[in-house]
Amino acid sequence: MKVFIDSNVPMYVAGREHPHREPARRVSKDLLVATEHLSTRDAVHAAVMINREVEWIASFDADFDQVPGLRRLELPLGDCDRHRGARFS
């Protein structure tokens, strides 16, 4: 079964009290069991990528390096003006 996670789910988990907070926490806990090193937001990104068969992510976040099946295009640090207009495919 393929499931897309509504972007509100992580907000319910981390946000103020809400009727959906506890159910969202249960779902997020299940998602994060295999990816303990990832934040809820990153786990949702990784899950969507895996579900859509997207192999590469352009990110500064090295935590994605530990997700099986994903490859990270390491973004350059430092002088942002030097890299302005760079294109990744």
Protein backbone atom coordinates (compact mmCIF):
# COMPACT_ATOMS: atom_id res chain seq x y z
CA MET A 1 0.00 0.00 0.00
CA LYS A 2 1.32 3.48 -0.89
CA VAL A 3 0.34 6.29 1.46
CA PHE A 4 1.04 10.02 1.19
CA ILE A 5 1.32 11.72 4.58
CA ASP A 6 -0.56 15.00 4.90
CA SER A 7 1.93 17.73 5.82
CA ASN A 8 -0.30 18.65 8.76
CA VAL A 9 0.57 15.41 10.56
CA PRO A 10 4.07 16.60 11.66
CA MET A 11 2.54 19.94 12.73
CA TYR A 12 0.03 18.13 14.91
CA VAL A 13 2.87 16.13 16.47
CA ALA A 14 5.01 19.15 17.32
CA GLY A 15 2.39 21.86 17.71
CA ARG A 16 -0.06 22.98 20.36
CA GLU A 17 -2.79 20.81 21.78
CA HIS A 18 -5.17 19.59 19.10
CA PRO A 19 -7.69 16.74 18.85
CA HIS A 20 -5.43 15.06 16.24
CA ARG A 21 -2.24 15.38 18.28
CA GLU A 22 -2.22 11.92 19.90
CA PRO A 23 -3.28 10.00 16.76
CA ALA A 24 -0.63 11.90 14.77
CA ARG A 25 1.99 10.99 17.35
CA ARG A 26 1.09 7.30 17.06
CA VAL A 27 1.40 7.41 13.25
CA SER A 28 4.67 9.35 13.42
CA LYS A 29 6.12 6.93 15.95
CA ASP A 30 5.45 4.07 13.54
CA LEU A 31 7.13 5.99 10.70
CA LEU A 32 10.17 6.83 12.77
CA VAL A 33 10.89 3.38 14.22
CA ALA A 34 13.18 2.48 11.31
CA THR A 35 14.62 5.99 10.99
CA GLU A 36 15.34 7.06 14.56
CA HIS A 37 18.04 9.50 13.43
CA LEU A 38 15.57 11.54 11.34
CA SER A 39 13.24 14.27 12.48
CA THR A 40 9.55 13.76 11.78
CA ARG A 41 9.75 16.22 8.90
CA ASP A 42 12.77 14.49 7.34
CA ALA A 43 11.09 11.08 7.75
CA VAL A 44 8.07 12.37 5.83
CA HIS A 45 10.37 13.69 3.08
CA ALA A 46 12.18 10.34 2.91
CA ALA A 47 8.91 8.38 2.89
CA VAL A 48 7.53 10.45 0.02
CA MET A 49 10.77 10.06 -1.93
CA ILE A 50 10.86 6.30 -1.45
CA ASN A 51 7.16 6.02 -2.30
CA ARG A 52 7.62 8.05 -5.51
CA GLU A 53 10.91 6.28 -6.35
CA VAL A 54 12.95 9.50 -6.12
CA GLU A 55 16.54 8.49 -5.42
CA TRP A 56 18.26 11.88 -4.97
CA ILE A 57 17.67 14.69 -2.50
CA ALA A 58 19.48 18.05 -2.61
CA SER A 59 20.02 18.89 1.05
CA PHE A 60 22.46 20.24 3.60
CA ASP A 61 21.15 17.59 6.04
CA ALA A 62 23.58 14.65 6.31
CA ASP A 63 20.95 12.60 8.18
CA PHE A 64 19.55 11.64 4.77
CA ASP A 65 22.82 9.79 4.09
CA GLN A 66 21.66 7.07 6.51
CA VAL A 67 18.36 6.35 4.73
CA PRO A 68 18.64 3.18 2.63
CA GLY A 69 17.73 3.82 -0.99
CA LEU A 70 18.31 7.57 -0.89
CA ARG A 71 21.33 9.48 -2.14
CA ARG A 72 22.10 13.05 -1.13
CA LEU A 73 23.44 15.74 -3.42
CA GLU A 74 25.48 17.67 -0.88
CA LEU A 75 24.78 21.36 -1.25
CA PRO A 76 27.73 23.74 -1.03
CA LEU A 77 28.22 25.70 2.16
CA GLY A 78 29.57 29.20 2.37
CA ASP A 79 29.36 31.94 -0.20
CA CYS A 80 25.77 31.72 -1.43
CA ASP A 81 26.28 34.41 -4.10
CA ARG A 82 28.92 32.26 -5.77
CA HIS A 83 26.35 29.47 -6.22
CA ARG A 84 23.38 31.61 -7.17
CA GLY A 85 21.76 30.32 -10.32
CA ALA A 86 23.29 26.85 -10.02
CA ARG A 87 21.01 24.14 -11.33
CA PHE A 88 20.74 20.60 -10.08
CA SER A 89 18.99 17.83 -11.97
